[in-house]
Each structure stands twice: as structure tokens, then as C-alpha cells.
Amino acid sequence: MRCEEAVKIMEVLRLWEQGCSQREIAASVKCAKSTVGEIQRRSREQGLGYGEASEMTNAQIQERLYPKIMAGLAKAEPEWRLIHKHLEANRRLNLRYLWEEYRYGSPEGLGYSQFCRRYHQWREETGKEVVMVQEREPGRELFVDWMGDTLSCVVAGETGELQAPGQSKRRRQRRMVGDLAAGVAERAAFF
């Protein structure tokens, strides 16, 4: 059985150098006696003792004791900056689509859940997860969300006909100018 936690490996090595039995070590670190034996065997093969392990990082300890397993875990890491740039540039893209492109380029790469988890982790670490909180009293102000696609057409409320966006505003302006001109003509005829 493999022990993934470097802290437990360190504790096993420390207790082993103090002369504790496998049973005592297993009870102390809350793992199976066979796991303790496996760590001791791998440590003997690698010549790794507690003194040397205490100066190593967790990743270095695991790589030294489990080289084949750790080598298999190293997958091609995507370029998160470019993925984020693609997502920001095109609002129709999503992580699923970008993951499929990534897997096409590296079939042995990350699975979808790991891809998403690591992307969100990257966003948090780089500060791309920042949001602006707006405190407001409900019903007092109206916020309009201008995100998304613009409408390709607008239905005029009075006539029910289809218009291009902005066309209704231009028509209103023309109608107002026309109404003003007619009003001026009426007043002129009245006097």
C-alpha cells in the first residue's frame, strides 16, 4: 500500500530511527503495518533516513520513494494564461470546449474535473478571481446587465413590426422632429 502523505512518511522514518516496532509505528501514524514495512523497505533501497528526509520537500520525498508512480502523475500542464485569455476574448467559449481542445493535443493529459479544478486554482492564485461586490438596497436602484449578445431585431411596441437595433430610437427622434414641425405649422396657421 502506498502512503501518499509525506508527513506520515517522515513520522515513520523518525519513529523507525528511534527503534520503534512496525506495530507501534502503525498505531502512531494510523496506517497499516504493511504500509510501514513498505515505507521502510523503500527507504532502505533508496538510502533515505529521517535526517535527509527532513531537509527535503514533500514532493521530493514522494518522488524518491515512489518514482514510477510520481512520474505517471506528471501530466502535461496546459498554459492557463492562454486558456484564460481565450475565455475572456470569446464569451461563447467554456471550459469544456477548451478542455476538449487540450485533450486533442495531449491525449494523456488531465481529465475534465482536474482541468477545471486546476484552472480555478490558477485563477485564485493569480488574482483573476476578483469580483466587485456592490452593496445596495433592493428596489431602490436598477442595474442593467449589458453582457451577452445584442438582439438582432426589436419589435416596435406601437406597430408590432420588426426593426433593427437602434432603429426604434431613430424613428422616435424623427417622429419628434416631425411632431415639432407640425406643431409649429399649426401655431403659425392659428395666429
N, C-alpha and C. Protein backbone atom coordinates (compact mmCIF):
# COMPACT_ATOMS: atom_id res chain seq x y z
N MET A 1 0.85 -1.18 0.00
CA MET A 1 0.00 0.00 0.00
C MET A 1 0.89 1.23 0.00
N ARG A 2 0.52 2.21 -0.77
CA ARG A 2 1.30 3.43 -0.90
C ARG A 2 0.83 4.45 0.13
N CYS A 3 1.78 5.13 0.75
CA CYS A 3 1.47 6.19 1.70
C CYS A 3 1.74 7.51 1.00
N GLU A 4 0.69 8.27 0.70
CA GLU A 4 0.84 9.50 -0.07
C GLU A 4 1.25 10.69 0.77
N GLU A 5 0.96 10.67 2.04
CA GLU A 5 1.24 11.84 2.86
C GLU A 5 2.69 11.84 3.32
N ALA A 6 3.42 12.86 2.91
CA ALA A 6 4.84 12.95 3.26
C ALA A 6 5.02 13.12 4.76
N VAL A 7 4.05 13.72 5.43
CA VAL A 7 4.14 13.90 6.89
C VAL A 7 4.16 12.53 7.57
N LYS A 8 3.34 11.61 7.10
CA LYS A 8 3.33 10.26 7.68
C LYS A 8 4.63 9.53 7.37
N ILE A 9 5.15 9.73 6.18
CA ILE A 9 6.43 9.10 5.83
C ILE A 9 7.52 9.59 6.76
N MET A 10 7.53 10.91 6.99
CA MET A 10 8.53 11.48 7.89
C MET A 10 8.39 10.90 9.30
N GLU A 11 7.15 10.78 9.77
CA GLU A 11 6.91 10.23 11.11
C GLU A 11 7.35 8.77 11.20
N VAL A 12 7.08 8.00 10.14
CA VAL A 12 7.51 6.60 10.11
C VAL A 12 9.03 6.53 10.21
N LEU A 13 9.72 7.36 9.43
CA LEU A 13 11.19 7.36 9.45
C LEU A 13 11.73 7.79 10.81
N ARG A 14 11.11 8.78 11.42
CA ARG A 14 11.56 9.26 12.74
C ARG A 14 11.41 8.18 13.79
N LEU A 15 10.21 7.56 13.84
CA LEU A 15 9.97 6.50 14.83
C LEU A 15 10.84 5.28 14.57
N TRP A 16 11.10 4.99 13.32
CA TRP A 16 11.93 3.83 12.95
C TRP A 16 13.36 4.05 13.45
N GLU A 17 13.88 5.28 13.30
CA GLU A 17 15.24 5.57 13.79
C GLU A 17 15.31 5.54 15.31
N GLN A 18 14.17 5.76 15.98
CA GLN A 18 14.14 5.69 17.44
C GLN A 18 14.03 4.25 17.94
N GLY A 19 13.84 3.31 17.01
CA GLY A 19 13.81 1.91 17.38
C GLY A 19 12.43 1.35 17.67
N CYS A 20 11.38 2.03 17.28
CA CYS A 20 10.02 1.53 17.49
C CYS A 20 9.72 0.38 16.54
N SER A 21 8.83 -0.52 16.97
CA SER A 21 8.44 -1.65 16.12
C SER A 21 7.45 -1.17 15.05
N GLN A 22 7.26 -2.02 14.03
CA GLN A 22 6.32 -1.68 12.97
C GLN A 22 4.90 -1.52 13.52
N ARG A 23 4.55 -2.36 14.49
CA ARG A 23 3.21 -2.30 15.08
C ARG A 23 3.01 -0.96 15.82
N GLU A 24 4.03 -0.53 16.57
CA GLU A 24 3.95 0.74 17.30
C GLU A 24 3.88 1.94 16.33
N ILE A 25 4.69 1.84 15.27
CA ILE A 25 4.69 2.93 14.28
C ILE A 25 3.33 3.00 13.59
N ALA A 26 2.79 1.84 13.21
CA ALA A 26 1.49 1.80 12.53
C ALA A 26 0.39 2.39 13.40
N ALA A 27 0.41 2.09 14.71
CA ALA A 27 -0.59 2.64 15.63
C ALA A 27 -0.41 4.15 15.77
N SER A 28 0.83 4.61 15.76
CA SER A 28 1.10 6.04 15.94
C SER A 28 0.65 6.88 14.74
N VAL A 29 0.94 6.40 13.53
CA VAL A 29 0.60 7.17 12.33
C VAL A 29 -0.75 6.77 11.73
N LYS A 30 -1.43 5.81 12.37
CA LYS A 30 -2.75 5.36 11.95
C LYS A 30 -2.76 4.87 10.50
N CYS A 31 -1.91 3.89 10.25
CA CYS A 31 -1.90 3.22 8.95
C CYS A 31 -1.59 1.74 9.19
N ALA A 32 -1.67 0.95 8.15
CA ALA A 32 -1.46 -0.49 8.28
C ALA A 32 0.02 -0.81 8.53
N LYS A 33 0.25 -1.93 9.20
CA LYS A 33 1.62 -2.38 9.48
C LYS A 33 2.35 -2.67 8.16
N SER A 34 1.61 -3.16 7.17
CA SER A 34 2.22 -3.46 5.87
C SER A 34 2.69 -2.16 5.19
N THR A 35 1.97 -1.07 5.39
CA THR A 35 2.38 0.23 4.82
C THR A 35 3.68 0.70 5.46
N VAL A 36 3.79 0.52 6.78
CA VAL A 36 5.02 0.88 7.48
C VAL A 36 6.18 0.06 6.93
N GLY A 37 5.96 -1.25 6.75
CA GLY A 37 7.00 -2.12 6.20
C GLY A 37 7.41 -1.70 4.79
N GLU A 38 6.43 -1.31 3.99
CA GLU A 38 6.70 -0.86 2.62
C GLU A 38 7.54 0.42 2.61
N ILE A 39 7.22 1.37 3.49
CA ILE A 39 7.99 2.62 3.58
C ILE A 39 9.42 2.31 4.04
N GLN A 40 9.55 1.42 5.01
CA GLN A 40 10.89 1.06 5.49
C GLN A 40 11.70 0.39 4.38
N ARG A 41 11.07 -0.50 3.63
CA ARG A 41 11.77 -1.20 2.54
C ARG A 41 12.23 -0.20 1.48
N ARG A 42 11.32 0.69 1.07
CA ARG A 42 11.66 1.67 0.04
C ARG A 42 12.74 2.63 0.55
N SER A 43 12.69 3.00 1.81
CA SER A 43 13.70 3.89 2.38
C SER A 43 15.06 3.22 2.40
N ARG A 44 15.10 1.92 2.76
CA ARG A 44 16.37 1.18 2.75
C ARG A 44 16.95 1.13 1.34
N GLU A 45 16.08 0.83 0.34
CA GLU A 45 16.53 0.74 -1.04
C GLU A 45 17.08 2.08 -1.55
N GLN A 46 16.47 3.16 -1.14
CA GLN A 46 16.88 4.48 -1.59
C GLN A 46 17.95 5.11 -0.70
N GLY A 47 18.23 4.48 0.46
CA GLY A 47 19.20 5.05 1.39
C GLY A 47 18.69 6.35 2.01
N LEU A 48 17.40 6.42 2.26
CA LEU A 48 16.78 7.62 2.79
C LEU A 48 16.52 7.45 4.29
N GLY A 49 17.09 8.35 5.08
CA GLY A 49 16.88 8.34 6.52
C GLY A 49 16.12 9.59 6.94
N TYR A 50 15.77 9.65 8.21
CA TYR A 50 14.98 10.78 8.72
C TYR A 50 15.74 12.10 8.57
N GLY A 51 17.04 12.12 8.83
CA GLY A 51 17.84 13.34 8.74
C GLY A 51 17.81 13.94 7.34
N GLU A 52 18.00 13.09 6.35
CA GLU A 52 18.00 13.57 4.97
C GLU A 52 16.58 13.98 4.54
N ALA A 53 15.58 13.19 4.95
CA ALA A 53 14.20 13.47 4.55
C ALA A 53 13.69 14.77 5.16
N SER A 54 14.18 15.13 6.35
CA SER A 54 13.71 16.36 6.98
C SER A 54 14.17 17.60 6.23
N GLU A 55 15.18 17.47 5.39
CA GLU A 55 15.67 18.60 4.61
C GLU A 55 15.05 18.66 3.21
N MET A 56 14.19 17.68 2.90
CA MET A 56 13.57 17.62 1.57
C MET A 56 12.14 18.14 1.62
N THR A 57 11.63 18.53 0.45
CA THR A 57 10.22 18.93 0.36
C THR A 57 9.35 17.68 0.27
N ASN A 58 8.05 17.85 0.46
CA ASN A 58 7.12 16.72 0.37
C ASN A 58 7.18 16.05 -0.99
N ALA A 59 7.23 16.84 -2.05
CA ALA A 59 7.28 16.30 -3.41
C ALA A 59 8.57 15.51 -3.63
N GLN A 60 9.69 15.99 -3.11
CA GLN A 60 10.96 15.29 -3.28
C GLN A 60 10.95 13.94 -2.55
N ILE A 61 10.36 13.91 -1.36
CA ILE A 61 10.28 12.65 -0.61
C ILE A 61 9.43 11.64 -1.38
N GLN A 62 8.28 12.07 -1.86
CA GLN A 62 7.40 11.16 -2.58
C GLN A 62 8.04 10.70 -3.88
N GLU A 63 8.70 11.59 -4.58
CA GLU A 63 9.36 11.21 -5.84
C GLU A 63 10.48 10.20 -5.58
N ARG A 64 11.17 10.36 -4.48
CA ARG A 64 12.28 9.44 -4.19
C ARG A 64 11.77 8.06 -3.79
N LEU A 65 10.70 8.00 -3.01
CA LEU A 65 10.19 6.70 -2.57
C LEU A 65 9.29 6.04 -3.60
N TYR A 66 8.58 6.82 -4.39
CA TYR A 66 7.65 6.28 -5.38
C TYR A 66 7.94 6.88 -6.75
N PRO A 67 9.11 6.60 -7.34
CA PRO A 67 9.50 7.28 -8.59
C PRO A 67 8.59 6.96 -9.78
N LYS A 68 8.20 5.69 -9.95
CA LYS A 68 7.38 5.32 -11.10
C LYS A 68 5.97 5.90 -10.98
N ILE A 69 5.44 5.85 -9.79
CA ILE A 69 4.09 6.36 -9.57
C ILE A 69 4.05 7.86 -9.77
N MET A 70 5.03 8.57 -9.21
CA MET A 70 5.06 10.02 -9.33
C MET A 70 5.32 10.45 -10.77
N ALA A 71 6.11 9.67 -11.51
CA ALA A 71 6.36 10.00 -12.91
C ALA A 71 5.08 9.86 -13.72
N GLY A 72 4.25 8.88 -13.37
CA GLY A 72 2.98 8.68 -14.07
C GLY A 72 1.99 9.78 -13.77
N LEU A 73 2.13 10.44 -12.62
CA LEU A 73 1.21 11.51 -12.25
C LEU A 73 1.52 12.83 -12.94
N ALA A 74 2.73 12.96 -13.44
CA ALA A 74 3.13 14.21 -14.09
C ALA A 74 2.51 14.27 -15.48
N LYS A 75 1.47 15.08 -15.63
CA LYS A 75 0.79 15.22 -16.90
C LYS A 75 1.10 16.60 -17.47
N ALA A 76 0.94 16.70 -18.77
CA ALA A 76 1.19 17.98 -19.43
C ALA A 76 0.25 19.04 -18.88
N GLU A 77 0.82 20.06 -18.29
CA GLU A 77 0.04 21.15 -17.69
C GLU A 77 -0.29 22.15 -18.79
N PRO A 78 -1.56 22.49 -18.96
CA PRO A 78 -1.93 23.46 -20.00
C PRO A 78 -1.40 24.86 -19.67
N GLU A 79 -1.38 25.71 -20.66
CA GLU A 79 -0.97 27.10 -20.47
C GLU A 79 -2.19 27.88 -19.99
N TRP A 80 -2.32 28.02 -18.67
CA TRP A 80 -3.53 28.60 -18.07
C TRP A 80 -3.76 30.04 -18.51
N ARG A 81 -2.69 30.78 -18.70
CA ARG A 81 -2.82 32.18 -19.11
C ARG A 81 -3.52 32.27 -20.47
N LEU A 82 -3.15 31.39 -21.40
CA LEU A 82 -3.78 31.39 -22.72
C LEU A 82 -5.23 30.93 -22.65
N ILE A 83 -5.49 29.94 -21.81
CA ILE A 83 -6.87 29.46 -21.65
C ILE A 83 -7.74 30.58 -21.11
N HIS A 84 -7.24 31.30 -20.12
CA HIS A 84 -8.00 32.41 -19.55
C HIS A 84 -8.22 33.51 -20.60
N LYS A 85 -7.19 33.76 -21.39
CA LYS A 85 -7.29 34.78 -22.44
C LYS A 85 -8.37 34.40 -23.46
N HIS A 86 -8.42 33.11 -23.85
CA HIS A 86 -9.45 32.64 -24.79
C HIS A 86 -10.84 32.79 -24.19
N LEU A 87 -10.98 32.45 -22.92
CA LEU A 87 -12.29 32.57 -22.27
C LEU A 87 -12.75 34.02 -22.19
N GLU A 88 -11.82 34.92 -21.90
CA GLU A 88 -12.16 36.34 -21.80
C GLU A 88 -12.50 36.93 -23.17
N ALA A 89 -11.79 36.47 -24.22
CA ALA A 89 -11.97 37.04 -25.55
C ALA A 89 -13.28 36.60 -26.20
N ASN A 90 -13.71 35.38 -25.94
CA ASN A 90 -14.91 34.87 -26.60
C ASN A 90 -15.88 34.38 -25.55
N ARG A 91 -16.97 35.08 -25.39
CA ARG A 91 -17.92 34.75 -24.33
C ARG A 91 -18.70 33.47 -24.61
N ARG A 92 -18.61 32.95 -25.83
CA ARG A 92 -19.31 31.70 -26.14
C ARG A 92 -18.48 30.47 -25.80
N LEU A 93 -17.21 30.64 -25.51
CA LEU A 93 -16.35 29.51 -25.13
C LEU A 93 -16.62 29.13 -23.68
N ASN A 94 -16.41 27.87 -23.38
CA ASN A 94 -16.47 27.42 -21.99
C ASN A 94 -15.31 26.47 -21.73
N LEU A 95 -15.13 26.11 -20.47
CA LEU A 95 -14.00 25.24 -20.10
C LEU A 95 -14.09 23.88 -20.76
N ARG A 96 -15.29 23.38 -20.94
CA ARG A 96 -15.45 22.05 -21.55
C ARG A 96 -14.86 22.04 -22.96
N TYR A 97 -15.17 23.05 -23.74
CA TYR A 97 -14.66 23.14 -25.11
C TYR A 97 -13.13 23.25 -25.12
N LEU A 98 -12.59 24.10 -24.25
CA LEU A 98 -11.14 24.27 -24.19
C LEU A 98 -10.45 23.01 -23.70
N TRP A 99 -11.12 22.28 -22.78
CA TRP A 99 -10.55 21.01 -22.32
C TRP A 99 -10.49 20.01 -23.47
N GLU A 100 -11.53 19.96 -24.29
CA GLU A 100 -11.55 19.04 -25.43
C GLU A 100 -10.42 19.36 -26.40
N GLU A 101 -10.17 20.64 -26.64
CA GLU A 101 -9.04 21.03 -27.50
C GLU A 101 -7.72 20.60 -26.87
N TYR A 102 -7.60 20.80 -25.57
CA TYR A 102 -6.38 20.41 -24.83
C TYR A 102 -6.16 18.91 -24.95
N ARG A 103 -7.21 18.11 -24.75
CA ARG A 103 -7.08 16.64 -24.83
C ARG A 103 -6.77 16.18 -26.24
N TYR A 104 -7.24 16.91 -27.24
CA TYR A 104 -6.92 16.56 -28.62
C TYR A 104 -5.42 16.70 -28.84
N GLY A 105 -4.84 17.74 -28.25
CA GLY A 105 -3.40 17.98 -28.39
C GLY A 105 -2.55 17.07 -27.51
N SER A 106 -3.05 16.69 -26.34
CA SER A 106 -2.32 15.78 -25.45
C SER A 106 -3.31 14.76 -24.86
N PRO A 107 -3.50 13.64 -25.55
CA PRO A 107 -4.50 12.65 -25.14
C PRO A 107 -4.29 12.06 -23.74
N GLU A 108 -3.06 12.07 -23.26
CA GLU A 108 -2.78 11.53 -21.92
C GLU A 108 -2.84 12.62 -20.86
N GLY A 109 -3.38 13.77 -21.21
CA GLY A 109 -3.41 14.92 -20.31
C GLY A 109 -4.44 14.78 -19.20
N LEU A 110 -4.73 15.89 -18.56
CA LEU A 110 -5.63 15.94 -17.42
C LEU A 110 -7.05 15.57 -17.82
N GLY A 111 -7.78 14.96 -16.87
CA GLY A 111 -9.20 14.72 -17.06
C GLY A 111 -9.95 16.03 -16.87
N TYR A 112 -11.24 16.03 -17.22
CA TYR A 112 -12.02 17.26 -17.18
C TYR A 112 -12.11 17.85 -15.77
N SER A 113 -12.35 17.02 -14.77
CA SER A 113 -12.50 17.54 -13.41
C SER A 113 -11.19 18.15 -12.91
N GLN A 114 -10.06 17.49 -13.19
CA GLN A 114 -8.76 18.04 -12.79
C GLN A 114 -8.45 19.32 -13.56
N PHE A 115 -8.81 19.35 -14.83
CA PHE A 115 -8.60 20.53 -15.66
C PHE A 115 -9.34 21.73 -15.05
N CYS A 116 -10.60 21.54 -14.69
CA CYS A 116 -11.40 22.62 -14.11
C CYS A 116 -10.85 23.03 -12.74
N ARG A 117 -10.51 22.03 -11.90
CA ARG A 117 -10.00 22.32 -10.56
C ARG A 117 -8.71 23.12 -10.64
N ARG A 118 -7.80 22.70 -11.50
CA ARG A 118 -6.52 23.39 -11.60
C ARG A 118 -6.67 24.77 -12.23
N TYR A 119 -7.61 24.93 -13.17
CA TYR A 119 -7.84 26.25 -13.76
C TYR A 119 -8.36 27.22 -12.68
N HIS A 120 -9.34 26.76 -11.90
CA HIS A 120 -9.88 27.63 -10.85
C HIS A 120 -8.83 27.93 -9.79
N GLN A 121 -7.99 26.95 -9.49
CA GLN A 121 -6.89 27.16 -8.54
C GLN A 121 -5.92 28.21 -9.11
N TRP A 122 -5.60 28.12 -10.39
CA TRP A 122 -4.72 29.10 -11.03
C TRP A 122 -5.34 30.49 -10.97
N ARG A 123 -6.65 30.58 -11.22
CA ARG A 123 -7.32 31.88 -11.17
C ARG A 123 -7.24 32.49 -9.78
N GLU A 124 -7.41 31.67 -8.75
CA GLU A 124 -7.32 32.18 -7.38
C GLU A 124 -5.91 32.66 -7.07
N GLU A 125 -4.91 31.86 -7.47
CA GLU A 125 -3.52 32.20 -7.17
C GLU A 125 -3.06 33.46 -7.89
N THR A 126 -3.58 33.71 -9.09
CA THR A 126 -3.12 34.85 -9.87
C THR A 126 -4.01 36.08 -9.71
N GLY A 127 -5.06 35.97 -8.91
CA GLY A 127 -5.92 37.12 -8.68
C GLY A 127 -6.94 37.36 -9.76
N LYS A 128 -7.19 36.37 -10.62
CA LYS A 128 -8.17 36.51 -11.69
C LYS A 128 -9.58 36.23 -11.18
N GLU A 129 -9.71 35.87 -9.92
CA GLU A 129 -10.99 35.51 -9.31
C GLU A 129 -11.63 36.71 -8.61
N VAL A 130 -11.06 37.88 -8.81
CA VAL A 130 -11.52 39.07 -8.10
C VAL A 130 -12.87 39.51 -8.65
N VAL A 131 -13.79 39.83 -7.75
CA VAL A 131 -15.10 40.34 -8.15
C VAL A 131 -15.37 41.62 -7.38
N MET A 132 -16.23 42.46 -7.95
CA MET A 132 -16.58 43.70 -7.28
C MET A 132 -17.95 43.53 -6.62
N VAL A 133 -17.99 43.61 -5.32
CA VAL A 133 -19.23 43.46 -4.58
C VAL A 133 -19.91 44.82 -4.52
N GLN A 134 -21.18 44.86 -4.87
CA GLN A 134 -21.93 46.10 -4.81
C GLN A 134 -23.02 45.94 -3.76
N GLU A 135 -22.93 46.71 -2.71
CA GLU A 135 -23.97 46.66 -1.69
C GLU A 135 -25.03 47.68 -2.06
N ARG A 136 -26.28 47.24 -2.06
CA ARG A 136 -27.36 48.13 -2.45
C ARG A 136 -28.63 47.74 -1.73
N GLU A 137 -29.56 48.67 -1.70
CA GLU A 137 -30.85 48.41 -1.09
C GLU A 137 -31.79 47.91 -2.19
N PRO A 138 -32.37 46.71 -2.03
CA PRO A 138 -33.22 46.15 -3.08
C PRO A 138 -34.39 47.07 -3.41
N GLY A 139 -34.68 47.23 -4.70
CA GLY A 139 -35.80 48.04 -5.14
C GLY A 139 -35.50 49.52 -5.26
N ARG A 140 -34.36 49.94 -4.79
CA ARG A 140 -34.02 51.36 -4.82
C ARG A 140 -33.34 51.76 -6.13
N GLU A 141 -32.51 50.86 -6.67
CA GLU A 141 -31.78 51.15 -7.90
C GLU A 141 -32.01 50.02 -8.89
N LEU A 142 -31.82 50.33 -10.15
CA LEU A 142 -31.96 49.34 -11.21
C LEU A 142 -30.60 49.16 -11.87
N PHE A 143 -30.13 47.93 -11.93
CA PHE A 143 -28.88 47.62 -12.60
C PHE A 143 -29.20 46.85 -13.87
N VAL A 144 -28.63 47.28 -14.98
CA VAL A 144 -28.86 46.62 -16.25
C VAL A 144 -27.60 45.86 -16.61
N ASP A 145 -27.78 44.59 -16.96
CA ASP A 145 -26.66 43.75 -17.36
C ASP A 145 -26.54 43.81 -18.88
N TRP A 146 -25.46 44.42 -19.37
CA TRP A 146 -25.29 44.57 -20.81
C TRP A 146 -24.45 43.45 -21.40
N MET A 147 -24.16 42.39 -20.64
CA MET A 147 -23.37 41.27 -21.13
C MET A 147 -24.18 40.45 -22.12
N GLY A 148 -23.50 39.75 -22.96
CA GLY A 148 -24.15 38.82 -23.87
C GLY A 148 -24.34 39.41 -25.25
N ASP A 149 -24.98 38.63 -26.10
CA ASP A 149 -25.21 39.04 -27.48
C ASP A 149 -26.27 40.13 -27.54
N THR A 150 -26.13 41.01 -28.52
CA THR A 150 -27.16 42.02 -28.72
C THR A 150 -28.27 41.41 -29.56
N LEU A 151 -29.45 41.92 -29.41
CA LEU A 151 -30.58 41.41 -30.17
C LEU A 151 -30.41 41.76 -31.64
N SER A 152 -30.77 40.84 -32.51
CA SER A 152 -30.66 41.12 -33.93
C SER A 152 -31.85 41.92 -34.41
N CYS A 153 -32.94 41.93 -33.65
CA CYS A 153 -34.11 42.70 -34.04
C CYS A 153 -34.87 43.14 -32.79
N VAL A 154 -35.69 44.18 -32.96
CA VAL A 154 -36.51 44.71 -31.88
C VAL A 154 -37.93 44.84 -32.43
N VAL A 155 -38.91 44.51 -31.63
CA VAL A 155 -40.30 44.66 -32.05
C VAL A 155 -40.81 46.00 -31.54
N ALA A 156 -41.33 46.81 -32.46
CA ALA A 156 -41.88 48.11 -32.07
C ALA A 156 -43.18 47.87 -31.31
N GLY A 157 -43.31 48.53 -30.17
CA GLY A 157 -44.48 48.33 -29.30
C GLY A 157 -45.77 48.82 -29.92
N GLU A 158 -45.73 49.93 -30.65
CA GLU A 158 -46.95 50.51 -31.20
C GLU A 158 -47.45 49.73 -32.40
N THR A 159 -46.53 49.39 -33.33
CA THR A 159 -46.94 48.78 -34.60
C THR A 159 -46.76 47.27 -34.63
N GLY A 160 -45.84 46.73 -33.81
CA GLY A 160 -45.58 45.29 -33.80
C GLY A 160 -44.65 44.86 -34.91
N GLU A 161 -44.07 45.80 -35.66
CA GLU A 161 -43.16 45.43 -36.75
C GLU A 161 -41.73 45.25 -36.24
N LEU A 162 -40.95 44.43 -36.96
CA LEU A 162 -39.56 44.16 -36.60
C LEU A 162 -38.68 45.31 -37.06
N GLN A 163 -37.75 45.71 -36.20
CA GLN A 163 -36.82 46.78 -36.50
C GLN A 163 -35.42 46.35 -36.13
N ALA A 164 -34.44 46.94 -36.77
CA ALA A 164 -33.05 46.69 -36.40
C ALA A 164 -32.76 47.40 -35.08
N PRO A 165 -31.78 46.94 -34.29
CA PRO A 165 -31.47 47.63 -33.04
C PRO A 165 -31.10 49.07 -33.30
N GLY A 166 -31.62 49.98 -32.49
CA GLY A 166 -31.33 51.39 -32.64
C GLY A 166 -32.28 52.08 -33.60
N GLN A 167 -32.96 51.30 -34.43
CA GLN A 167 -33.87 51.87 -35.41
C GLN A 167 -35.06 52.54 -34.71
N SER A 168 -35.56 51.93 -33.65
CA SER A 168 -36.71 52.49 -32.95
C SER A 168 -36.35 53.86 -32.36
N LYS A 169 -35.11 54.02 -31.89
CA LYS A 169 -34.69 55.30 -31.33
C LYS A 169 -34.66 56.36 -32.42
N ARG A 170 -34.11 55.99 -33.59
CA ARG A 170 -34.06 56.93 -34.72
C ARG A 170 -35.47 57.31 -35.16
N ARG A 171 -36.38 56.35 -35.21
CA ARG A 171 -37.76 56.64 -35.59
C ARG A 171 -38.42 57.59 -34.61
N ARG A 172 -38.17 57.35 -33.32
CA ARG A 172 -38.74 58.25 -32.31
C ARG A 172 -38.22 59.66 -32.48
N GLN A 173 -36.91 59.76 -32.76
CA GLN A 173 -36.33 61.08 -32.95
C GLN A 173 -36.94 61.76 -34.18
N ARG A 174 -37.10 61.00 -35.28
CA ARG A 174 -37.71 61.56 -36.49
C ARG A 174 -39.16 61.97 -36.22
N ARG A 175 -39.88 61.13 -35.48
CA ARG A 175 -41.27 61.40 -35.16
C ARG A 175 -41.38 62.67 -34.32
N MET A 176 -40.44 62.81 -33.35
CA MET A 176 -40.48 64.01 -32.51
C MET A 176 -40.20 65.26 -33.33
N VAL A 177 -39.24 65.18 -34.24
CA VAL A 177 -38.92 66.32 -35.10
C VAL A 177 -40.12 66.62 -35.98
N GLY A 178 -40.75 65.56 -36.52
CA GLY A 178 -41.94 65.74 -37.36
C GLY A 178 -43.08 66.36 -36.57
N ASP A 179 -43.28 65.90 -35.33
CA ASP A 179 -44.34 66.45 -34.49
C ASP A 179 -44.08 67.92 -34.17
N LEU A 180 -42.82 68.26 -33.91
CA LEU A 180 -42.47 69.65 -33.62
C LEU A 180 -42.74 70.53 -34.84
N ALA A 181 -42.35 70.02 -36.02
CA ALA A 181 -42.57 70.80 -37.25
C ALA A 181 -44.07 70.99 -37.49
N ALA A 182 -44.86 69.95 -37.26
CA ALA A 182 -46.32 70.06 -37.45
C ALA A 182 -46.92 71.02 -36.44
N GLY A 183 -46.42 70.98 -35.21
CA GLY A 183 -46.90 71.88 -34.17
C GLY A 183 -46.61 73.33 -34.50
N VAL A 184 -45.42 73.59 -35.03
CA VAL A 184 -45.04 74.95 -35.40
C VAL A 184 -45.95 75.42 -36.55
N ALA A 185 -46.22 74.54 -37.49
CA ALA A 185 -47.09 74.90 -38.63
C ALA A 185 -48.51 75.19 -38.13
N GLU A 186 -49.01 74.40 -37.18
CA GLU A 186 -50.35 74.64 -36.65
C GLU A 186 -50.43 75.98 -35.94
N ARG A 187 -49.43 76.29 -35.15
CA ARG A 187 -49.41 77.54 -34.41
C ARG A 187 -49.35 78.72 -35.38
N ALA A 188 -48.56 78.54 -36.42
CA ALA A 188 -48.43 79.63 -37.41
C ALA A 188 -49.78 79.86 -38.11
N ALA A 189 -50.51 78.78 -38.38
CA ALA A 189 -51.80 78.91 -39.05
C ALA A 189 -52.83 79.50 -38.09
N PHE A 190 -52.69 79.26 -36.80
CA PHE A 190 -53.63 79.75 -35.81
C PHE A 190 -53.53 81.25 -35.65
N PHE A 191 -52.32 81.79 -35.69
CA PHE A 191 -52.13 83.21 -35.49
C PHE A 191 -52.32 83.88 -36.79
